[in-house]
Amino acid sequence: QVEQLIEFARHQFELGERQKDGATNREHLESIWRQKGVKPVELCGPECPPSMIGHWQWFVRLNGRRQHGMNGPMPLTFTEIRNWKELMDVELTPFDVEVIIALDDVALNQKEGK
């Protein structure tokens, strides 16, 4: 199920990429959908496995608070994850942390165009 979550995340990151005009791929595709009345196939992607929704939500929260350096977004650190976990009173297992780190790797690689 982690693999399914990673595929879901890749698709979400691709849809969220900003184009030269500042709009995201998702915004462009939804505009096409409204204009033509037909849902573009690019909007249809992998679903988040129900058992992984919590992991995705945790990552989204952490991703929204990520540090940025001179060369762009910085990887989430174990310290940041631990601090967030303690502040939000969230119970995380080592597996949960590994899933968050895997999602972070995908997000960073997507931004770098890998």
Protein backbone atom coordinates (compact mmCIF):
# COMPACT_ATOMS: atom_id res chain seq x y z
CA GLN A 1 0.00 0.00 0.00
CA VAL A 2 2.95 2.32 0.44
CA GLU A 3 3.67 1.94 -3.28
CA GLN A 4 0.07 2.98 -4.06
CA LEU A 5 0.46 6.00 -1.78
CA ILE A 6 3.68 6.98 -3.56
CA GLU A 7 1.96 6.75 -6.96
CA PHE A 8 -0.94 8.83 -5.64
CA ALA A 9 1.53 11.40 -4.30
CA ARG A 10 3.44 11.61 -7.60
CA HIS A 11 0.19 12.32 -9.42
CA GLN A 12 -0.83 14.97 -6.87
CA PHE A 13 2.58 16.66 -7.13
CA GLU A 14 2.36 16.69 -10.94
CA LEU A 15 -1.09 18.26 -10.78
CA GLY A 16 0.22 20.84 -8.32
CA GLU A 17 3.17 21.96 -10.46
CA ARG A 18 2.96 25.63 -11.38
CA GLN A 19 3.19 26.66 -15.02
CA LYS A 20 4.77 29.83 -16.40
CA ASP A 21 1.49 31.71 -15.95
CA GLY A 22 1.43 30.85 -12.23
CA ALA A 23 -1.51 28.45 -12.44
CA THR A 24 -1.13 24.79 -11.56
CA ASN A 25 -1.55 21.90 -13.95
CA ARG A 26 -4.71 21.02 -12.00
CA GLU A 27 -6.12 24.53 -12.51
CA HIS A 28 -5.45 24.35 -16.26
CA LEU A 29 -7.04 20.91 -16.55
CA GLU A 30 -10.08 21.90 -14.49
CA SER A 31 -10.50 24.97 -16.71
CA ILE A 32 -10.48 22.71 -19.78
CA TRP A 33 -13.05 20.48 -18.06
CA ARG A 34 -15.35 23.46 -17.41
CA GLN A 35 -14.98 24.75 -20.97
CA LYS A 36 -15.42 21.44 -22.80
CA GLY A 37 -17.58 19.55 -20.33
CA VAL A 38 -15.28 16.52 -20.54
CA LYS A 39 -12.97 15.57 -17.69
CA PRO A 40 -9.36 15.41 -18.94
CA VAL A 41 -7.83 11.99 -18.41
CA GLU A 42 -4.85 13.66 -16.71
CA LEU A 43 -7.09 14.52 -13.76
CA CYS A 44 -7.82 10.83 -13.23
CA GLY A 45 -5.06 9.19 -11.28
CA PRO A 46 -4.31 6.73 -8.54
CA GLU A 47 -6.42 6.89 -5.41
CA CYS A 48 -4.91 7.24 -1.95
CA PRO A 49 -5.26 3.88 -0.20
CA PRO A 50 -7.73 4.32 2.69
CA SER A 51 -5.23 2.92 5.19
CA MET A 52 -2.69 5.56 4.11
CA ILE A 53 -4.88 8.68 4.25
CA GLY A 54 -3.47 9.60 7.66
CA HIS A 55 0.09 9.39 6.35
CA TRP A 56 -0.81 11.63 3.41
CA GLN A 57 -2.48 14.17 5.72
CA TRP A 58 0.51 14.18 8.07
CA PHE A 59 2.86 14.76 5.16
CA VAL A 60 0.72 17.58 3.74
CA ARG A 61 0.79 19.34 7.12
CA LEU A 62 4.57 18.97 7.42
CA ASN A 63 5.15 19.88 3.78
CA GLY A 64 3.27 23.13 4.26
CA ARG A 65 5.75 24.18 6.97
CA ARG A 66 8.94 23.04 5.28
CA GLN A 67 12.09 25.15 5.37
CA HIS A 68 13.46 26.68 2.16
CA GLY A 69 17.10 27.41 1.46
CA MET A 70 18.87 29.29 -1.29
CA ASN A 71 18.44 26.32 -3.63
CA GLY A 72 14.80 25.68 -2.87
CA PRO A 73 12.94 23.41 -0.48
CA MET A 74 14.91 21.56 2.16
CA PRO A 75 14.21 17.95 3.12
CA LEU A 76 12.10 17.39 6.21
CA THR A 77 14.34 16.44 9.10
CA PHE A 78 13.75 13.87 11.81
CA THR A 79 13.89 16.74 14.31
CA GLU A 80 11.12 18.62 12.49
CA ILE A 81 8.99 15.50 12.34
CA ARG A 82 9.58 14.75 16.03
CA ASN A 83 8.80 18.33 17.04
CA TRP A 84 5.61 18.36 14.94
CA LYS A 85 4.58 14.99 16.40
CA GLU A 86 5.03 16.28 19.95
CA LEU A 87 3.32 19.63 19.34
CA MET A 88 0.34 18.01 17.64
CA ASP A 89 0.22 15.06 20.06
CA VAL A 90 0.35 12.57 17.18
CA GLU A 91 1.51 9.01 17.77
CA LEU A 92 3.98 7.98 15.03
CA THR A 93 5.65 4.62 14.67
CA PRO A 94 9.01 4.21 12.94
CA PHE A 95 7.05 2.90 9.93
CA ASP A 96 4.96 6.10 9.88
CA VAL A 97 8.12 8.22 9.88
CA GLU A 98 9.60 6.17 7.04
CA VAL A 99 6.43 6.71 4.99
CA ILE A 100 6.59 10.47 5.61
CA ILE A 101 10.26 10.52 4.57
CA ALA A 102 9.45 8.50 1.42
CA LEU A 103 6.74 11.02 0.50
CA ASP A 104 9.18 13.84 1.15
CA ASP A 105 11.74 12.24 -1.16
CA VAL A 106 9.13 12.00 -3.91
CA ALA A 107 8.09 15.64 -3.39
CA LEU A 108 11.68 16.89 -3.53
CA ASN A 109 12.54 14.78 -6.58
CA GLN A 110 9.43 16.07 -8.35
CA LYS A 111 10.50 19.66 -7.72
CA GLU A 112 13.96 18.89 -9.05
CA GLY A 113 12.46 17.31 -12.17
CA LYS A 114 13.78 13.82 -11.46
